[in-house]
N, C-alpha and C. Protein backbone atom coordinates (compact mmCIF):
# COMPACT_ATOMS: atom_id res chain seq x y z
N MET A 1 54.60 118.99 -20.84
CA MET A 1 55.32 118.91 -19.47
C MET A 1 54.41 119.43 -18.51
N LYS A 2 53.44 120.44 -18.82
CA LYS A 2 52.53 120.97 -17.70
C LYS A 2 51.43 119.58 -17.51
N LYS A 3 51.29 118.94 -18.43
CA LYS A 3 50.08 117.72 -18.26
C LYS A 3 51.05 116.48 -17.45
N ILE A 4 52.11 116.57 -17.68
CA ILE A 4 52.73 115.43 -17.02
C ILE A 4 52.94 115.75 -15.55
N LEU A 5 53.35 117.08 -15.01
CA LEU A 5 53.20 117.35 -13.74
C LEU A 5 51.72 117.38 -13.31
N LEU A 6 50.75 117.74 -13.82
CA LEU A 6 49.49 117.85 -13.28
C LEU A 6 49.29 116.32 -13.20
N VAL A 7 49.40 115.30 -14.16
CA VAL A 7 49.13 113.89 -13.63
C VAL A 7 49.86 113.59 -12.51
N LEU A 8 51.06 113.99 -12.56
CA LEU A 8 51.67 113.44 -11.31
C LEU A 8 51.35 113.82 -10.04
N ALA A 9 51.19 115.34 -9.81
CA ALA A 9 50.53 115.73 -8.70
C ALA A 9 49.13 115.11 -8.29
N SER A 10 48.08 114.58 -9.49
CA SER A 10 46.98 113.96 -9.23
C SER A 10 46.98 112.77 -8.66
N LEU A 11 48.12 112.09 -9.05
CA LEU A 11 48.22 110.71 -8.34
C LEU A 11 48.83 110.80 -6.99
N ILE A 12 49.52 111.71 -6.77
CA ILE A 12 50.18 111.81 -5.33
C ILE A 12 49.25 112.41 -4.59
N ALA A 13 48.15 113.10 -4.99
CA ALA A 13 47.11 113.53 -4.30
C ALA A 13 46.39 112.45 -3.77
N ILE A 14 45.91 111.44 -4.80
CA ILE A 14 45.24 110.24 -4.55
C ILE A 14 45.81 109.38 -3.64
N SER A 15 46.87 109.22 -3.81
CA SER A 15 47.77 108.39 -2.90
C SER A 15 47.72 108.83 -1.36
N VAL A 16 47.87 109.91 -1.23
CA VAL A 16 47.60 110.36 0.10
C VAL A 16 46.42 110.69 0.55
N ILE A 17 45.29 110.66 -0.21
CA ILE A 17 43.81 111.11 0.24
C ILE A 17 43.28 109.76 0.55
N SER A 18 43.48 108.51 -0.41
CA SER A 18 43.17 107.38 0.24
C SER A 18 44.17 106.35 0.25
N PRO A 19 44.22 105.93 1.61
CA PRO A 19 45.60 105.03 1.87
C PRO A 19 45.16 103.63 1.11
N ALA A 20 46.38 102.80 0.99
CA ALA A 20 46.11 101.56 0.42
C ALA A 20 45.16 100.90 1.34
N VAL A 21 44.39 99.84 0.90
CA VAL A 21 43.85 98.82 1.83
C VAL A 21 44.55 97.96 2.06
N SER A 22 44.85 97.52 3.37
CA SER A 22 45.62 96.42 3.96
C SER A 22 44.65 95.74 4.99
N ALA A 23 43.31 95.23 4.70
CA ALA A 23 42.92 94.48 5.61
C ALA A 23 42.38 93.26 5.07
N ALA A 24 42.10 92.43 5.44
CA ALA A 24 41.08 91.34 5.26
C ALA A 24 39.84 91.80 4.72
N GLN A 25 39.14 90.90 4.05
CA GLN A 25 37.84 90.97 3.33
C GLN A 25 36.72 90.08 4.40
N VAL A 26 35.68 90.55 4.35
CA VAL A 26 34.87 89.81 5.38
C VAL A 26 33.64 89.39 4.56
N GLU A 27 33.08 88.30 4.80
CA GLU A 27 31.85 87.66 3.96
C GLU A 27 30.88 87.31 5.25
N VAL A 28 29.87 87.88 5.38
CA VAL A 28 28.73 87.30 6.36
C VAL A 28 27.54 86.72 5.44
N LYS A 29 27.12 85.81 5.73
CA LYS A 29 25.84 84.92 5.76
C LYS A 29 24.82 84.87 6.66
N TRP A 30 23.86 85.01 6.53
CA TRP A 30 22.71 85.16 7.53
C TRP A 30 21.91 83.99 7.45
N THR A 31 21.90 82.55 8.08
CA THR A 31 21.35 81.61 7.71
C THR A 31 20.12 81.66 8.52
N ASN A 32 18.80 81.51 7.58
CA ASN A 32 17.39 81.50 8.37
C ASN A 32 17.24 82.07 9.43
N PRO A 33 17.35 83.61 9.34
CA PRO A 33 17.20 84.59 10.13
C PRO A 33 15.59 84.48 10.82
N ASP A 34 14.56 83.93 10.11
CA ASP A 34 13.33 83.93 10.67
C ASP A 34 13.26 83.05 11.89
N LYS A 35 14.23 82.22 12.29
CA LYS A 35 14.27 81.26 13.34
C LYS A 35 15.22 81.77 14.30
N TYR A 36 15.81 82.83 14.37
CA TYR A 36 16.78 83.46 15.16
C TYR A 36 15.83 83.71 16.39
N ARG A 37 16.50 83.54 17.60
CA ARG A 37 15.89 83.57 18.85
C ARG A 37 15.16 85.02 19.06
N ASP A 38 16.03 85.89 18.89
CA ASP A 38 15.44 87.34 19.52
C ASP A 38 16.08 88.46 18.33
N ILE A 39 15.21 88.83 17.66
CA ILE A 39 15.90 89.88 16.68
C ILE A 39 14.63 90.92 16.40
N TYR A 40 13.78 91.00 17.68
CA TYR A 40 12.63 91.68 17.54
C TYR A 40 12.97 93.07 17.89
N SER A 41 12.08 93.91 17.02
CA SER A 41 12.37 95.15 16.97
C SER A 41 11.89 96.52 18.06
N GLY A 42 10.87 95.84 18.85
CA GLY A 42 10.21 96.69 19.41
C GLY A 42 9.03 97.45 18.53
N ASP A 43 9.06 98.86 18.58
CA ASP A 43 8.09 99.66 17.54
C ASP A 43 8.66 99.82 15.94
N GLU A 44 10.31 99.55 16.08
CA GLU A 44 10.16 99.75 14.62
C GLU A 44 10.00 98.82 13.98
N ASN A 45 9.87 99.27 12.60
CA ASN A 45 9.46 98.36 11.38
C ASN A 45 10.08 97.18 11.24
N ARG A 46 9.60 95.77 11.56
CA ARG A 46 10.32 94.66 11.39
C ARG A 46 11.55 94.47 10.44
N LYS A 47 11.05 94.70 9.13
CA LYS A 47 11.84 94.54 8.08
C LYS A 47 13.01 95.76 7.96
N ALA A 48 12.63 96.62 8.17
CA ALA A 48 13.76 97.88 8.35
C ALA A 48 14.63 97.57 9.62
N PHE A 49 14.09 96.92 10.55
CA PHE A 49 15.02 96.80 11.76
C PHE A 49 16.02 95.54 11.63
N ARG A 50 15.44 94.64 10.80
CA ARG A 50 16.11 93.27 10.23
C ARG A 50 17.54 94.06 9.57
N GLU A 51 16.94 94.78 8.33
CA GLU A 51 18.16 95.48 7.63
C GLU A 51 19.02 96.05 8.24
N ARG A 52 18.91 96.90 9.38
CA ARG A 52 19.73 97.52 10.24
C ARG A 52 20.66 96.94 10.81
N LEU A 53 20.13 96.07 11.63
CA LEU A 53 20.64 94.59 12.31
C LEU A 53 21.76 94.12 11.47
N PHE A 54 21.34 93.61 10.46
CA PHE A 54 22.18 92.91 9.69
C PHE A 54 23.53 93.85 9.10
N LYS A 55 23.33 95.13 8.62
CA LYS A 55 24.20 96.01 8.33
C LYS A 55 24.96 96.49 9.32
N THR A 56 24.57 96.66 10.61
CA THR A 56 25.48 97.01 11.71
C THR A 56 26.55 95.83 11.89
N PHE A 57 25.74 94.86 11.88
CA PHE A 57 26.68 93.76 12.32
C PHE A 57 27.84 93.37 11.42
N GLU A 58 27.25 93.25 10.03
CA GLU A 58 28.13 93.12 9.05
C GLU A 58 29.34 94.30 8.84
N LYS A 59 29.12 95.45 9.16
CA LYS A 59 30.00 96.69 9.55
C LYS A 59 30.99 96.51 10.37
N HIS A 60 30.35 95.69 11.83
CA HIS A 60 31.15 95.48 12.80
C HIS A 60 32.10 94.36 12.49
N PHE A 61 31.78 93.50 11.88
CA PHE A 61 32.71 92.03 11.49
C PHE A 61 33.84 92.80 10.65
N ALA A 62 33.36 93.70 9.59
CA ALA A 62 34.45 94.30 8.79
C ALA A 62 35.57 95.28 9.58
N LYS A 63 35.15 96.01 10.43
CA LYS A 63 35.86 96.96 11.24
C LYS A 63 36.76 95.86 11.74
N LEU A 64 36.47 94.79 12.25
CA LEU A 64 37.27 93.66 13.21
C LEU A 64 38.23 93.02 12.36
N ALA A 65 37.69 92.69 11.25
CA ALA A 65 38.63 91.87 9.93
C ALA A 65 39.70 92.90 9.60
N SER A 66 39.50 94.36 9.79
CA SER A 66 40.41 95.42 9.12
C SER A 66 41.61 95.28 9.77
N LYS A 67 41.51 94.43 11.08
CA LYS A 67 42.88 94.29 12.01
C LYS A 67 43.49 93.27 11.46
N LEU A 68 43.04 92.33 10.63
CA LEU A 68 43.71 91.39 10.08
C LEU A 68 44.59 91.32 8.73
N PRO A 69 45.55 90.62 8.29
CA PRO A 69 46.48 91.03 7.30
C PRO A 69 45.78 90.72 5.98
N GLU A 70 46.13 91.61 4.95
CA GLU A 70 45.21 92.06 3.97
C GLU A 70 45.40 90.55 3.09
N LYS A 71 44.53 90.25 1.90
CA LYS A 71 44.40 89.08 1.39
C LYS A 71 43.75 88.16 1.90
N GLN A 72 43.47 88.13 3.20
CA GLN A 72 42.70 87.29 3.82
C GLN A 72 41.01 87.37 3.93
N ILE A 73 40.44 86.36 3.99
CA ILE A 73 39.08 86.46 3.76
C ILE A 73 38.67 85.88 5.21
N LEU A 74 37.60 86.60 6.10
CA LEU A 74 37.18 86.09 7.25
C LEU A 74 35.66 85.53 6.96
N LYS A 75 35.33 84.63 6.67
CA LYS A 75 33.47 84.37 6.42
C LYS A 75 32.78 83.90 7.71
N ILE A 76 31.82 84.56 7.76
CA ILE A 76 31.03 84.26 8.85
C ILE A 76 29.61 83.68 8.55
N GLU A 77 29.13 82.57 9.13
CA GLU A 77 27.87 82.22 8.80
C GLU A 77 27.27 82.50 10.14
N VAL A 78 26.10 83.25 10.15
CA VAL A 78 25.60 83.57 11.38
C VAL A 78 24.29 82.63 11.48
N LYS A 79 23.93 81.65 12.63
CA LYS A 79 23.08 80.94 12.55
C LYS A 79 21.92 81.05 13.72
N ASP A 80 22.50 82.08 14.74
CA ASP A 80 21.02 82.31 15.69
C ASP A 80 21.74 83.83 16.36
N VAL A 81 20.72 84.59 16.47
CA VAL A 81 20.84 85.92 17.24
C VAL A 81 19.96 86.05 18.64
N ASP A 82 20.25 86.18 19.63
CA ASP A 82 19.55 86.57 20.80
C ASP A 82 20.20 87.91 21.25
N LEU A 83 19.71 88.88 20.67
CA LEU A 83 20.30 90.35 21.23
C LEU A 83 20.00 90.59 22.91
N ALA A 84 20.76 91.37 23.31
CA ALA A 84 20.82 91.84 24.68
C ALA A 84 19.34 92.44 24.99
N GLY A 85 18.70 91.76 26.25
CA GLY A 85 17.42 92.49 26.60
C GLY A 85 16.43 91.66 25.52
N ASP A 86 15.10 92.10 26.16
CA ASP A 86 14.27 91.14 25.69
C ASP A 86 12.71 92.12 25.54
N VAL A 87 12.25 92.11 24.35
CA VAL A 87 11.07 93.08 23.68
C VAL A 87 9.72 92.67 24.51
N ASN A 88 9.25 93.59 25.22
CA ASN A 88 8.18 93.51 26.23
C ASN A 88 6.86 93.74 25.13
N PHE A 89 6.26 92.57 25.18
CA PHE A 89 4.79 92.55 24.28
C PHE A 89 3.46 92.81 25.03
N GLY A 90 3.77 93.32 26.46
CA GLY A 90 2.77 93.47 27.22
C GLY A 90 1.93 94.67 27.01
N SER A 91 2.63 95.76 26.44
CA SER A 91 2.00 96.96 26.07
C SER A 91 1.61 97.57 24.93
N ILE A 92 0.96 98.84 24.91
CA ILE A 92 1.07 99.25 23.41
C ILE A 92 2.40 99.68 23.00
N ASN A 93 3.32 99.93 23.53
CA ASN A 93 4.39 100.79 23.09
C ASN A 93 5.76 99.45 23.23
N ARG A 94 5.91 98.72 22.54
CA ARG A 94 6.91 97.55 22.84
C ARG A 94 8.17 98.28 22.91
N ILE A 95 8.95 98.06 23.77
CA ILE A 95 10.28 98.48 24.11
C ILE A 95 11.21 97.14 24.50
N ARG A 96 12.51 97.38 24.47
CA ARG A 96 13.63 96.39 24.76
C ARG A 96 13.90 96.74 26.10
N ILE A 97 13.58 95.79 26.92
CA ILE A 97 14.16 95.97 28.23
C ILE A 97 15.45 95.12 28.64
N VAL A 98 16.35 95.92 29.04
CA VAL A 98 17.55 95.25 29.30
C VAL A 98 18.00 94.82 30.72
N LYS A 99 17.97 93.59 31.19
CA LYS A 99 18.34 93.17 32.41
C LYS A 99 19.12 91.78 32.15
N ASP A 100 19.89 91.63 33.56
CA ASP A 100 20.58 90.45 33.62
C ASP A 100 20.24 89.24 33.12
N ILE A 101 18.84 88.80 33.35
CA ILE A 101 18.63 87.51 32.63
C ILE A 101 18.22 87.52 31.13
N TYR A 102 18.50 88.68 30.48
CA TYR A 102 18.09 88.72 28.64
C TYR A 102 19.56 89.02 28.37
N PHE A 103 20.46 88.17 28.40
CA PHE A 103 21.96 88.19 27.99
C PHE A 103 22.23 87.93 26.69
N PRO A 104 22.95 88.82 25.98
CA PRO A 104 23.31 88.72 24.58
C PRO A 104 23.85 87.26 24.12
N ARG A 105 23.42 86.54 22.98
CA ARG A 105 23.91 85.32 22.35
C ARG A 105 24.15 85.42 20.99
N PHE A 106 25.08 84.74 20.53
CA PHE A 106 25.48 84.89 18.99
C PHE A 106 25.89 83.42 18.53
N LYS A 107 25.61 82.92 17.79
CA LYS A 107 25.66 81.59 17.08
C LYS A 107 26.26 81.47 15.81
N PHE A 108 27.53 81.14 15.74
CA PHE A 108 28.06 81.53 13.96
C PHE A 108 29.27 80.23 13.63
N SER A 109 29.62 80.32 12.69
CA SER A 109 30.46 79.53 12.24
C SER A 109 31.40 80.55 11.52
N TYR A 110 32.86 80.08 11.32
CA TYR A 110 33.72 81.04 10.80
C TYR A 110 35.00 80.44 10.00
N GLN A 111 35.44 81.13 9.32
CA GLN A 111 36.62 80.66 8.65
C GLN A 111 37.29 81.91 8.15
N LEU A 112 38.85 81.48 8.32
CA LEU A 112 39.62 82.78 7.98
C LEU A 112 40.80 81.97 6.92
N ILE A 113 40.56 82.50 5.57
CA ILE A 113 41.21 81.96 4.29
C ILE A 113 42.06 82.75 4.20
N ASP A 114 43.50 82.10 3.72
CA ASP A 114 44.29 82.88 3.01
C ASP A 114 44.14 83.31 1.56
N GLU A 115 45.17 84.28 0.80
CA GLU A 115 44.99 84.57 -0.42
C GLU A 115 44.84 83.17 -1.41
N LYS A 116 45.31 82.05 -1.10
CA LYS A 116 45.52 80.69 -1.76
C LYS A 116 44.34 80.05 -1.96
N GLY A 117 43.52 80.20 -0.68
CA GLY A 117 42.23 79.63 -0.62
C GLY A 117 42.20 78.50 0.67
N LYS A 118 43.52 78.65 1.29
CA LYS A 118 43.91 77.85 2.53
C LYS A 118 43.00 78.08 3.72
N VAL A 119 42.37 77.27 4.54
CA VAL A 119 42.12 77.50 5.43
C VAL A 119 42.74 77.96 6.71
N LEU A 120 43.11 78.88 7.29
CA LEU A 120 43.98 79.30 8.64
C LEU A 120 43.28 78.82 9.78
N GLU A 121 41.96 79.29 9.94
CA GLU A 121 41.38 79.13 11.28
C GLU A 121 39.98 78.70 10.98
N SER A 122 38.92 77.97 11.60
CA SER A 122 37.97 77.79 11.56
C SER A 122 37.29 77.50 12.90
N GLY A 123 36.03 77.41 13.09
CA GLY A 123 35.58 77.11 14.24
C GLY A 123 33.69 77.32 14.15
N GLU A 124 33.35 76.88 15.17
CA GLU A 124 31.74 76.92 15.77
C GLU A 124 31.98 77.49 16.96
N GLU A 125 30.97 79.09 17.01
CA GLU A 125 31.03 79.48 18.02
C GLU A 125 29.65 79.68 18.66
N ASN A 126 29.32 80.03 20.10
CA ASN A 126 27.95 79.63 20.56
C ASN A 126 28.50 80.95 21.48
N LEU A 127 28.41 82.14 21.15
CA LEU A 127 29.11 83.16 22.31
C LEU A 127 27.42 83.59 23.15
N LYS A 128 28.05 83.73 24.50
CA LYS A 128 26.82 84.27 25.51
C LYS A 128 27.83 85.06 26.41
N ASP A 129 27.01 86.24 26.69
CA ASP A 129 27.60 86.98 27.95
C ASP A 129 26.99 87.20 28.87
N MET A 130 26.68 86.43 30.28
CA MET A 130 25.94 86.29 31.05
C MET A 130 26.24 87.61 32.24
N ASN A 131 27.42 87.83 31.85
CA ASN A 131 27.78 89.28 32.85
C ASN A 131 27.79 90.51 31.87
N PHE A 132 27.01 90.83 31.04
CA PHE A 132 26.95 91.70 30.05
C PHE A 132 26.91 93.36 30.67
N LEU A 133 26.05 93.02 31.78
CA LEU A 133 25.67 94.45 32.53
C LEU A 133 26.72 95.08 33.59
N HIS A 134 27.76 93.78 33.96
CA HIS A 134 28.64 94.10 35.10
C HIS A 134 30.06 94.24 34.30
N THR A 135 30.07 94.37 33.04
CA THR A 135 31.20 94.50 32.37
C THR A 135 31.64 95.82 31.93
N ASN A 136 32.72 96.38 32.44
CA ASN A 136 32.90 97.91 31.72
C ASN A 136 34.45 97.97 30.99
N ASN A 137 34.40 96.71 30.30
CA ASN A 137 35.90 96.75 30.12
C ASN A 137 36.00 97.35 28.51
N ASN A 138 34.91 97.77 27.96
CA ASN A 138 35.01 98.44 26.55
C ASN A 138 33.93 99.61 26.49
N LEU A 139 34.14 100.68 27.13
CA LEU A 139 33.06 101.88 27.09
C LEU A 139 32.70 102.40 25.87
N ARG A 140 33.50 102.10 24.49
CA ARG A 140 33.06 102.79 23.53
C ARG A 140 31.68 102.36 22.97
N TYR A 141 31.28 101.21 23.28
CA TYR A 141 30.02 100.59 22.60
C TYR A 141 28.65 101.03 23.52
N ASN A 142 28.83 101.75 24.84
CA ASN A 142 27.79 102.23 25.74
C ASN A 142 26.84 102.78 25.07
N ASN A 143 26.89 103.59 24.07
CA ASN A 143 25.96 104.55 23.61
C ASN A 143 25.81 104.15 22.08
N GLU A 144 25.99 102.76 21.79
CA GLU A 144 25.73 102.35 20.25
C GLU A 144 24.87 101.37 20.32
N SER A 145 23.65 101.41 18.90
CA SER A 145 23.08 100.29 18.84
C SER A 145 23.65 98.63 19.27
N PHE A 146 23.16 98.04 19.83
CA PHE A 146 23.74 96.83 20.09
C PHE A 146 24.98 96.42 20.58
N GLY A 147 25.33 97.67 21.37
CA GLY A 147 26.44 97.59 22.15
C GLY A 147 27.06 96.68 22.82
N TYR A 148 26.23 95.96 23.59
CA TYR A 148 26.33 94.89 24.08
C TYR A 148 26.94 93.45 23.67
N ASP A 149 26.15 93.75 22.47
CA ASP A 149 26.40 92.41 21.39
C ASP A 149 27.66 92.64 20.60
N LYS A 150 28.17 94.08 20.32
CA LYS A 150 29.28 94.19 19.46
C LYS A 150 30.45 93.85 20.79
N ARG A 151 30.36 94.52 21.76
CA ARG A 151 31.49 94.18 22.55
C ARG A 151 31.63 92.68 22.93
N MET A 152 30.58 91.77 23.12
CA MET A 152 30.84 90.32 22.99
C MET A 152 31.56 89.71 21.66
N ILE A 153 31.46 90.27 20.55
CA ILE A 153 32.06 89.84 19.46
C ILE A 153 33.39 90.30 19.33
N GLU A 154 33.79 91.44 19.94
CA GLU A 154 34.70 92.00 19.74
C GLU A 154 35.89 91.28 20.58
N ASN A 155 35.53 90.87 21.85
CA ASN A 155 36.03 90.04 22.85
C ASN A 155 36.10 88.78 22.17
N TRP A 156 35.36 88.13 21.61
CA TRP A 156 35.49 86.77 20.76
C TRP A 156 36.71 86.98 19.85
N PHE A 157 36.44 87.90 19.14
CA PHE A 157 37.27 88.44 17.91
C PHE A 157 38.90 88.42 18.25
N ASN A 158 39.17 89.45 19.48
CA ASN A 158 40.51 89.48 19.97
C ASN A 158 41.06 88.34 20.47
N LYS A 159 40.21 87.47 21.17
CA LYS A 159 40.91 86.22 21.63
C LYS A 159 40.77 85.00 20.49
N ALA A 160 40.01 85.18 19.75
CA ALA A 160 40.32 83.79 18.43
C ALA A 160 41.47 84.20 17.54
N PHE A 161 41.83 85.60 17.37
CA PHE A 161 42.81 85.78 16.12
C PHE A 161 44.13 86.43 16.87
N LYS A 162 44.12 86.28 18.14
CA LYS A 162 45.25 86.98 19.26
C LYS A 162 46.40 86.75 18.44
N THR A 163 46.90 85.64 17.79
CA THR A 163 48.49 85.52 17.46
C THR A 163 48.25 86.29 15.97
N ARG A 164 47.46 86.67 15.27
CA ARG A 164 47.32 87.35 13.96
C ARG A 164 47.11 88.48 13.94
N LEU A 165 46.82 89.02 14.76
CA LEU A 165 46.78 90.67 15.25
C LEU A 165 48.05 91.13 15.38
N PRO A 166 48.16 92.54 14.76
CA PRO A 166 49.47 93.42 14.79
C PRO A 166 49.62 93.76 16.49
N LYS A 167 50.83 93.76 17.12
CA LYS A 167 50.93 94.04 18.61
C LYS A 167 51.13 95.53 18.83
């Protein structure tokens, strides 16, 4: 009897601590990253910067996909990236300079697939935010790495999947 109560209590604790996953999965593929327009790091190690960049955007897409219904898969194939700002190669300390003329761009294709493999939505996107320094519609990204780029992607996501997101 004590064992049954212990097992039951453990199951209840586990179900309370780890809520059920009810989000879409995301798969991100980085196609020909050596040819991307601008994923330069400044002074950070190039390989480490690229890995951090990819991980950051994969997490961002996963966070956005968590708003979609479960058992769906959002597939993203990134074809080009031009981060907000530009790396100044003219001095010893290379830094990313952020100005209006260096606006973020993100080129990718996407598919939203249901649990039966049916494509619900798909498209090619060539995002760019030429007004990125003058848009304060989402202050949460202001102090994050790649904040301007994340905001641009979130704006696209909210428009592209407007009818599929809970209200």
